[in-house]
Amino acid sequence: MDLEEEVSRCLNWDDDRPVKIKRWGVVEVKLPDWLTPGEWIAHRVEWKFAWGLGVDVNWPEAWQRSLMKDIKTRLNGWQLQSC
């Protein structure tokens, strides 16, 4: 795996100009004790979306899972497009 490899992508959701970005990145992720790495990997977009909207990583598991169901429903209802 070449960590310097670049790919072309759209600038952002409403600007289709192509830009070069690094294909791979390495980041440190802190997960709650109850969230397994496997579950994080399988649903990382949804979890990052939830936490970005203000869901606190430290909230109880039941709260976060309940909010996650609502977020998944909303995400599935949107017509998401990628470049």
PDB file of N, CA and C in Angstrom:
ATOM      1  N   MET A   1       0.853  -1.170   0.000  1.00  0.00           N
ATOM      2  CA  MET A   1       0.000   0.000   0.000  1.00  0.00           C
ATOM      3  C   MET A   1       0.902   1.237   0.000  1.00  0.00           C
ATOM      4  N   ASP A   2       0.659   2.099  -0.954  1.00  0.00           N
ATOM      5  CA  ASP A   2       1.422   3.341  -1.077  1.00  0.00           C
ATOM      6  C   ASP A   2       0.641   4.476  -0.408  1.00  0.00           C
ATOM      7  N   LEU A   3       1.106   4.943   0.748  1.00  0.00           N
ATOM      8  CA  LEU A   3       0.406   6.001   1.475  1.00  0.00           C
ATOM      9  C   LEU A   3       0.475   7.351   0.778  1.00  0.00           C
ATOM     10  N   GLU A   4       1.305   7.470  -0.249  1.00  0.00           N
ATOM     11  CA  GLU A   4       1.413   8.721  -1.006  1.00  0.00           C
ATOM     12  C   GLU A   4       0.570   8.709  -2.283  1.00  0.00           C
ATOM     13  N   GLU A   5      -0.108   7.598  -2.571  1.00  0.00           N
ATOM     14  CA  GLU A   5      -0.926   7.491  -3.782  1.00  0.00           C
ATOM     15  C   GLU A   5      -2.038   8.540  -3.765  1.00  0.00           C
ATOM     16  N   GLU A   6      -2.276   9.161  -4.917  1.00  0.00           N
ATOM     17  CA  GLU A   6      -3.321  10.174  -5.034  1.00  0.00           C
ATOM     18  C   GLU A   6      -4.407   9.705  -6.003  1.00  0.00           C
ATOM     19  N   VAL A   7      -5.630  10.185  -5.770  1.00  0.00           N
ATOM     20  CA  VAL A   7      -6.774   9.898  -6.631  1.00  0.00           C
ATOM     21  C   VAL A   7      -7.514  11.203  -6.900  1.00  0.00           C
ATOM     22  N   SER A   8      -8.338  11.219  -7.943  1.00  0.00           N
ATOM     23  CA  SER A   8      -9.152  12.399  -8.248  1.00  0.00           C
ATOM     24  C   SER A   8     -10.526  12.253  -7.610  1.00  0.00           C
ATOM     25  N   ARG A   9     -11.003  13.327  -7.007  1.00  0.00           N
ATOM     26  CA  ARG A   9     -12.338  13.362  -6.402  1.00  0.00           C
ATOM     27  C   ARG A   9     -12.935  14.745  -6.635  1.00  0.00           C
ATOM     28  N   CYS A  10     -14.246  14.875  -6.412  1.00  0.00           N
ATOM     29  CA  CYS A  10     -14.896  16.178  -6.489  1.00  0.00           C
ATOM     30  C   CYS A  10     -14.462  17.027  -5.302  1.00  0.00           C
ATOM     31  N   LEU A  11     -14.400  18.330  -5.509  1.00  0.00           N
ATOM     32  CA  LEU A  11     -13.983  19.239  -4.445  1.00  0.00           C
ATOM     33  C   LEU A  11     -14.883  19.107  -3.225  1.00  0.00           C
ATOM     34  N   ASN A  12     -16.192  19.141  -3.422  1.00  0.00           N
ATOM     35  CA  ASN A  12     -17.134  18.912  -2.322  1.00  0.00           C
ATOM     36  C   ASN A  12     -18.501  18.580  -2.896  1.00  0.00           C
ATOM     37  N   TRP A  13     -19.493  18.495  -2.046  1.00  0.00           N
ATOM     38  CA  TRP A  13     -20.821  18.020  -2.450  1.00  0.00           C
ATOM     39  C   TRP A  13     -21.504  18.898  -3.495  1.00  0.00           C
ATOM     40  N   ASP A  14     -21.177  20.176  -3.563  1.00  0.00           N
ATOM     41  CA  ASP A  14     -21.843  21.032  -4.556  1.00  0.00           C
ATOM     42  C   ASP A  14     -20.866  21.670  -5.546  1.00  0.00           C
ATOM     43  N   ASP A  15     -19.665  21.144  -5.604  1.00  0.00           N
ATOM     44  CA  ASP A  15     -18.654  21.668  -6.526  1.00  0.00           C
ATOM     45  C   ASP A  15     -17.952  20.477  -7.166  1.00  0.00           C
ATOM     46  N   ASP A  16     -18.255  20.236  -8.436  1.00  0.00           N
ATOM     47  CA  ASP A  16     -17.757  19.046  -9.123  1.00  0.00           C
ATOM     48  C   ASP A  16     -16.352  19.176  -9.704  1.00  0.00           C
ATOM     49  N   ARG A  17     -15.664  20.269  -9.373  1.00  0.00           N
ATOM     50  CA  ARG A  17     -14.299  20.386  -9.897  1.00  0.00           C
ATOM     51  C   ARG A  17     -13.427  19.258  -9.341  1.00  0.00           C
ATOM     52  N   PRO A  18     -12.671  18.589 -10.215  1.00  0.00           N
ATOM     53  CA  PRO A  18     -11.818  17.504  -9.729  1.00  0.00           C
ATOM     54  C   PRO A  18     -10.591  18.044  -8.998  1.00  0.00           C
ATOM     55  N   VAL A  19     -10.243  17.382  -7.919  1.00  0.00           N
ATOM     56  CA  VAL A  19      -9.029  17.701  -7.164  1.00  0.00           C
ATOM     57  C   VAL A  19      -8.306  16.400  -6.850  1.00  0.00           C
ATOM     58  N   LYS A  20      -7.027  16.493  -6.623  1.00  0.00           N
ATOM     59  CA  LYS A  20      -6.222  15.329  -6.234  1.00  0.00           C
ATOM     60  C   LYS A  20      -6.151  15.286  -4.710  1.00  0.00           C
ATOM     61  N   ILE A  21      -6.413  14.103  -4.159  1.00  0.00           N
ATOM     62  CA  ILE A  21      -6.275  13.897  -2.716  1.00  0.00           C
ATOM     63  C   ILE A  21      -5.518  12.598  -2.477  1.00  0.00           C
ATOM     64  N   LYS A  22      -4.979  12.441  -1.299  1.00  0.00           N
ATOM     65  CA  LYS A  22      -4.314  11.190  -0.963  1.00  0.00           C
ATOM     66  C   LYS A  22      -5.367  10.103  -0.815  1.00  0.00           C
ATOM     67  N   ARG A  23      -5.073   8.950  -1.392  1.00  0.00           N
ATOM     68  CA  ARG A  23      -6.034   7.843  -1.348  1.00  0.00           C
ATOM     69  C   ARG A  23      -6.153   7.262   0.053  1.00  0.00           C
ATOM     70  N   TRP A  24      -5.070   7.207   0.769  1.00  0.00           N
ATOM     71  CA  TRP A  24      -5.052   6.574   2.085  1.00  0.00           C
ATOM     72  C   TRP A  24      -4.665   7.586   3.153  1.00  0.00           C
ATOM     73  N   GLY A  25      -5.141   7.349   4.340  1.00  0.00           N
ATOM     74  CA  GLY A  25      -4.753   8.175   5.478  1.00  0.00           C
ATOM     75  C   GLY A  25      -4.696   7.321   6.726  1.00  0.00           C
ATOM     76  N   VAL A  26      -3.919   7.754   7.647  1.00  0.00           N
ATOM     77  CA  VAL A  26      -3.799   7.047   8.918  1.00  0.00           C
ATOM     78  C   VAL A  26      -4.253   7.998  10.010  1.00  0.00           C
ATOM     79  N   VAL A  27      -5.229   7.578  10.783  1.00  0.00           N
ATOM     80  CA  VAL A  27      -5.744   8.400  11.872  1.00  0.00           C
ATOM     81  C   VAL A  27      -5.922   7.534  13.113  1.00  0.00           C
ATOM     82  N   GLU A  28      -5.855   8.185  14.250  1.00  0.00           N
ATOM     83  CA  GLU A  28      -6.127   7.500  15.506  1.00  0.00           C
ATOM     84  C   GLU A  28      -7.607   7.693  15.829  1.00  0.00           C
ATOM     85  N   VAL A  29      -8.274   6.610  16.171  1.00  0.00           N
ATOM     86  CA  VAL A  29      -9.696   6.660  16.478  1.00  0.00           C
ATOM     87  C   VAL A  29      -9.897   6.138  17.901  1.00  0.00           C
ATOM     88  N   LYS A  30     -10.571   6.943  18.721  1.00  0.00           N
ATOM     89  CA  LYS A  30     -10.895   6.500  20.074  1.00  0.00           C
ATOM     90  C   LYS A  30     -12.349   6.066  20.089  1.00  0.00           C
ATOM     91  N   LEU A  31     -12.571   4.816  20.420  1.00  0.00           N
ATOM     92  CA  LEU A  31     -13.909   4.245  20.427  1.00  0.00           C
ATOM     93  C   LEU A  31     -14.383   4.035  21.858  1.00  0.00           C
ATOM     94  N   PRO A  32     -15.704   4.121  22.066  1.00  0.00           N
ATOM     95  CA  PRO A  32     -16.238   3.754  23.372  1.00  0.00           C
ATOM     96  C   PRO A  32     -15.930   2.279  23.640  1.00  0.00           C
ATOM     97  N   ASP A  33     -15.854   1.888  24.900  1.00  0.00           N
ATOM     98  CA  ASP A  33     -15.526   0.496  25.251  1.00  0.00           C
ATOM     99  C   ASP A  33     -16.488  -0.509  24.634  1.00  0.00           C
ATOM    100  N   TRP A  34     -17.738  -0.130  24.459  1.00  0.00           N
ATOM    101  CA  TRP A  34     -18.756  -1.054  23.974  1.00  0.00           C
ATOM    102  C   TRP A  34     -18.777  -1.191  22.453  1.00  0.00           C
ATOM    103  N   LEU A  35     -18.070  -0.331  21.728  1.00  0.00           N
ATOM    104  CA  LEU A  35     -18.066  -0.372  20.260  1.00  0.00           C
ATOM    105  C   LEU A  35     -16.832  -1.128  19.778  1.00  0.00           C
ATOM    106  N   THR A  36     -17.073  -2.264  19.133  1.00  0.00           N
ATOM    107  CA  THR A  36     -15.953  -3.084  18.671  1.00  0.00           C
ATOM    108  C   THR A  36     -15.320  -2.477  17.418  1.00  0.00           C
ATOM    109  N   PRO A  37     -14.039  -2.735  17.208  1.00  0.00           N
ATOM    110  CA  PRO A  37     -13.403  -2.241  15.976  1.00  0.00           C
ATOM    111  C   PRO A  37     -14.111  -2.745  14.715  1.00  0.00           C
ATOM    112  N   GLY A  38     -14.586  -3.984  14.732  1.00  0.00           N
ATOM    113  CA  GLY A  38     -15.289  -4.526  13.571  1.00  0.00           C
ATOM    114  C   GLY A  38     -16.570  -3.774  13.258  1.00  0.00           C
ATOM    115  N   GLU A  39     -17.325  -3.439  14.311  1.00  0.00           N
ATOM    116  CA  GLU A  39     -18.551  -2.677  14.103  1.00  0.00           C
ATOM    117  C   GLU A  39     -18.231  -1.260  13.637  1.00  0.00           C
ATOM    118  N   TRP A  40     -17.171  -0.668  14.178  1.00  0.00           N
ATOM    119  CA  TRP A  40     -16.743   0.663  13.758  1.00  0.00           C
ATOM    120  C   TRP A  40     -16.403   0.655  12.270  1.00  0.00           C
ATOM    121  N   ILE A  41     -15.627  -0.315  11.844  1.00  0.00           N
ATOM    122  CA  ILE A  41     -15.204  -0.380  10.444  1.00  0.00           C
ATOM    123  C   ILE A  41     -16.411  -0.555   9.522  1.00  0.00           C
ATOM    124  N   ALA A  42     -17.345  -1.412   9.915  1.00  0.00           N
ATOM    125  CA  ALA A  42     -18.516  -1.680   9.073  1.00  0.00           C
ATOM    126  C   ALA A  42     -19.450  -0.477   8.959  1.00  0.00           C
ATOM    127  N   HIS A  43     -19.454   0.401   9.977  1.00  0.00           N
ATOM    128  CA  HIS A  43     -20.399   1.526   9.995  1.00  0.00           C
ATOM    129  C   HIS A  43     -19.713   2.855  10.323  1.00  0.00           C
ATOM    130  N   ARG A  44     -18.469   2.995   9.932  1.00  0.00           N
ATOM    131  CA  ARG A  44     -17.709   4.187  10.325  1.00  0.00           C
ATOM    132  C   ARG A  44     -18.314   5.489   9.797  1.00  0.00           C
ATOM    133  N   VAL A  45     -18.903   5.457   8.604  1.00  0.00           N
ATOM    134  CA  VAL A  45     -19.506   6.675   8.052  1.00  0.00           C
ATOM    135  C   VAL A  45     -20.659   7.134   8.942  1.00  0.00           C
ATOM    136  N   GLU A  46     -21.517   6.190   9.333  1.00  0.00           N
ATOM    137  CA  GLU A  46     -22.649   6.541  10.179  1.00  0.00           C
ATOM    138  C   GLU A  46     -22.211   7.046  11.545  1.00  0.00           C
ATOM    139  N   TRP A  47     -21.212   6.379  12.153  1.00  0.00           N
ATOM    140  CA  TRP A  47     -20.741   6.814  13.471  1.00  0.00           C
ATOM    141  C   TRP A  47     -20.095   8.193  13.384  1.00  0.00           C
ATOM    142  N   LYS A  48     -19.265   8.419  12.373  1.00  0.00           N
ATOM    143  CA  LYS A  48     -18.628   9.740  12.228  1.00  0.00           C
ATOM    144  C   LYS A  48     -19.676  10.816  11.982  1.00  0.00           C
ATOM    145  N   PHE A  49     -20.714  10.484  11.208  1.00  0.00           N
ATOM    146  CA  PHE A  49     -21.800  11.419  10.940  1.00  0.00           C
ATOM    147  C   PHE A  49     -22.514  11.768  12.247  1.00  0.00           C
ATOM    148  N   ALA A  50     -22.839  10.743  13.034  1.00  0.00           N
ATOM    149  CA  ALA A  50     -23.538  10.962  14.313  1.00  0.00           C
ATOM    150  C   ALA A  50     -22.702  11.822  15.248  1.00  0.00           C
ATOM    151  N   TRP A  51     -21.446  11.473  15.413  1.00  0.00           N
ATOM    152  CA  TRP A  51     -20.579  12.222  16.321  1.00  0.00           C
ATOM    153  C   TRP A  51     -20.350  13.639  15.795  1.00  0.00           C
ATOM    154  N   GLY A  52     -20.326  13.799  14.486  1.00  0.00           N
ATOM    155  CA  GLY A  52     -20.172  15.129  13.906  1.00  0.00           C
ATOM    156  C   GLY A  52     -21.396  16.007  14.102  1.00  0.00           C
ATOM    157  N   LEU A  53     -22.569  15.378  14.237  1.00  0.00           N
ATOM    158  CA  LEU A  53     -23.802  16.125  14.473  1.00  0.00           C
ATOM    159  C   LEU A  53     -23.995  16.498  15.939  1.00  0.00           C
ATOM    160  N   GLY A  54     -23.092  16.032  16.787  1.00  0.00           N
ATOM    161  CA  GLY A  54     -23.187  16.417  18.193  1.00  0.00           C
ATOM    162  C   GLY A  54     -23.486  15.292  19.154  1.00  0.00           C
ATOM    163  N   VAL A  55     -23.649  14.064  18.637  1.00  0.00           N
ATOM    164  CA  VAL A  55     -23.797  12.934  19.547  1.00  0.00           C
ATOM    165  C   VAL A  55     -22.471  12.784  20.295  1.00  0.00           C
ATOM    166  N   ASP A  56     -22.543  12.743  21.606  1.00  0.00           N
ATOM    167  CA  ASP A  56     -21.334  12.671  22.431  1.00  0.00           C
ATOM    168  C   ASP A  56     -20.882  11.225  22.565  1.00  0.00           C
ATOM    169  N   VAL A  57     -19.630  10.959  22.233  1.00  0.00           N
ATOM    170  CA  VAL A  57     -19.062   9.615  22.310  1.00  0.00           C
ATOM    171  C   VAL A  57     -19.207   9.049  23.722  1.00  0.00           C
ATOM    172  N   ASN A  58     -19.283   9.912  24.717  1.00  0.00           N
ATOM    173  CA  ASN A  58     -19.368   9.472  26.111  1.00  0.00           C
ATOM    174  C   ASN A  58     -20.792   9.194  26.578  1.00  0.00           C
ATOM    175  N   TRP A  59     -21.799   9.469  25.751  1.00  0.00           N
ATOM    176  CA  TRP A  59     -23.182   9.176  26.129  1.00  0.00           C
ATOM    177  C   TRP A  59     -23.354   7.665  26.271  1.00  0.00           C
ATOM    178  N   PRO A  60     -24.369   7.238  27.018  1.00  0.00           N
ATOM    179  CA  PRO A  60     -24.606   5.797  27.187  1.00  0.00           C
ATOM    180  C   PRO A  60     -24.837   5.088  25.851  1.00  0.00           C
ATOM    181  N   GLU A  61     -24.436   3.834  25.830  1.00  0.00           N
ATOM    182  CA  GLU A  61     -24.555   3.033  24.609  1.00  0.00           C
ATOM    183  C   GLU A  61     -25.984   3.023  24.070  1.00  0.00           C
ATOM    184  N   ALA A  62     -26.978   2.817  24.930  1.00  0.00           N
ATOM    185  CA  ALA A  62     -28.370   2.729  24.479  1.00  0.00           C
ATOM    186  C   ALA A  62     -28.802   4.006  23.761  1.00  0.00           C
ATOM    187  N   TRP A  63     -28.401   5.156  24.269  1.00  0.00           N
ATOM    188  CA  TRP A  63     -28.753   6.424  23.633  1.00  0.00           C
ATOM    189  C   TRP A  63     -28.141   6.509  22.246  1.00  0.00           C
ATOM    190  N   GLN A  64     -26.841   6.199  22.174  1.00  0.00           N
ATOM    191  CA  GLN A  64     -26.156   6.318  20.891  1.00  0.00           C
ATOM    192  C   GLN A  64     -26.721   5.350  19.860  1.00  0.00           C
ATOM    193  N   ARG A  65     -27.009   4.126  20.278  1.00  0.00           N
ATOM    194  CA  ARG A  65     -27.560   3.150  19.332  1.00  0.00           C
ATOM    195  C   ARG A  65     -28.951   3.576  18.864  1.00  0.00           C
ATOM    196  N   SER A  66     -29.745   4.149  19.748  1.00  0.00           N
ATOM    197  CA  SER A  66     -31.068   4.634  19.369  1.00  0.00           C
ATOM    198  C   SER A  66     -30.955   5.765  18.349  1.00  0.00           C
ATOM    199  N   LEU A  67     -30.061   6.708  18.610  1.00  0.00           N
ATOM    200  CA  LEU A  67     -29.847   7.810  17.670  1.00  0.00           C
ATOM    201  C   LEU A  67     -29.285   7.307  16.349  1.00  0.00           C
ATOM    202  N   MET A  68     -28.438   6.279  16.413  1.00  0.00           N
ATOM    203  CA  MET A  68     -27.846   5.717  15.202  1.00  0.00           C
ATOM    204  C   MET A  68     -28.925   5.127  14.290  1.00  0.00           C
ATOM    205  N   LYS A  69     -29.933   4.467  14.869  1.00  0.00           N
ATOM    206  CA  LYS A  69     -31.024   3.922  14.055  1.00  0.00           C
ATOM    207  C   LYS A  69     -31.730   5.038  13.293  1.00  0.00           C
ATOM    208  N   ASP A  70     -31.974   6.151  13.965  1.00  0.00           N
ATOM    209  CA  ASP A  70     -32.621   7.292  13.320  1.00  0.00           C
ATOM    210  C   ASP A  70     -31.740   7.862  12.212  1.00  0.00           C
ATOM    211  N   ILE A  71     -30.466   7.998  12.475  1.00  0.00           N
ATOM    212  CA  ILE A  71     -29.526   8.539  11.480  1.00  0.00           C
ATOM    213  C   ILE A  71     -29.458   7.619  10.259  1.00  0.00           C
ATOM    214  N   LYS A  72     -29.381   6.308  10.479  1.00  0.00           N
ATOM    215  CA  LYS A  72     -29.329   5.363   9.348  1.00  0.00           C
ATOM    216  C   LYS A  72     -30.587   5.480   8.495  1.00  0.00           C
ATOM    217  N   THR A  73     -31.734   5.626   9.144  1.00  0.00           N
ATOM    218  CA  THR A  73     -32.984   5.779   8.409  1.00  0.00           C
ATOM    219  C   THR A  73     -32.933   7.029   7.541  1.00  0.00           C
ATOM    220  N   ARG A  74     -32.458   8.123   8.110  1.00  0.00           N
ATOM    221  CA  ARG A  74     -32.378   9.369   7.350  1.00  0.00           C
ATOM    222  C   ARG A  74     -31.366   9.270   6.209  1.00  0.00           C
ATOM    223  N   LEU A  75     -30.203   8.675   6.483  1.00  0.00           N
ATOM    224  CA  LEU A  75     -29.191   8.531   5.432  1.00  0.00           C
ATOM    225  C   LEU A  75     -29.708   7.664   4.290  1.00  0.00           C
ATOM    226  N   ASN A  76     -30.433   6.597   4.611  1.00  0.00           N
ATOM    227  CA  ASN A  76     -30.971   5.719   3.565  1.00  0.00           C
ATOM    228  C   ASN A  76     -32.027   6.422   2.727  1.00  0.00           C
ATOM    229  N   GLY A  77     -32.664   7.456   3.282  1.00  0.00           N
ATOM    230  CA  GLY A  77     -33.691   8.189   2.552  1.00  0.00           C
ATOM    231  C   GLY A  77     -33.117   9.231   1.602  1.00  0.00           C
ATOM    232  N   TRP A  78     -31.879   9.614   1.805  1.00  0.00           N
ATOM    233  CA  TRP A  78     -31.266  10.635   0.941  1.00  0.00           C
ATOM    234  C   TRP A  78     -30.694   9.976  -0.299  1.00  0.00           C
ATOM    235  N   GLN A  79     -30.706  10.720  -1.387  1.00  0.00           N
ATOM    236  CA  GLN A  79     -30.090  10.242  -2.620  1.00  0.00           C
ATOM    237  C   GLN A  79     -28.625  10.677  -2.620  1.00  0.00           C
ATOM    238  N   LEU A  80     -27.768   9.837  -2.066  1.00  0.00           N
ATOM    239  CA  LEU A  80     -26.354  10.195  -1.972  1.00  0.00           C
ATOM    240  C   LEU A  80     -25.671   9.882  -3.295  1.00  0.00           C
ATOM    241  N   GLN A  81     -24.827  10.801  -3.738  1.00  0.00           N
ATOM    242  CA  GLN A  81     -24.100  10.624  -4.989  1.00  0.00           C
ATOM    243  C   GLN A  81     -22.627  10.813  -4.727  1.00  0.00           C
ATOM    244  N   SER A  82     -21.819  10.097  -5.455  1.00  0.00           N
ATOM    245  CA  SER A  82     -20.377  10.284  -5.376  1.00  0.00           C
ATOM    246  C   SER A  82     -19.848  10.569  -6.763  1.00  0.00           C
ATOM    247  N   CYS A  83     -18.718  11.232  -6.811  1.00  0.00           N
ATOM    248  CA  CYS A  83     -18.126  11.602  -8.099  1.00  0.00           C
ATOM    249  C   CYS A  83     -17.537  10.384  -8.779  1.00  0.00           C
TER     250      CYS A  83
END
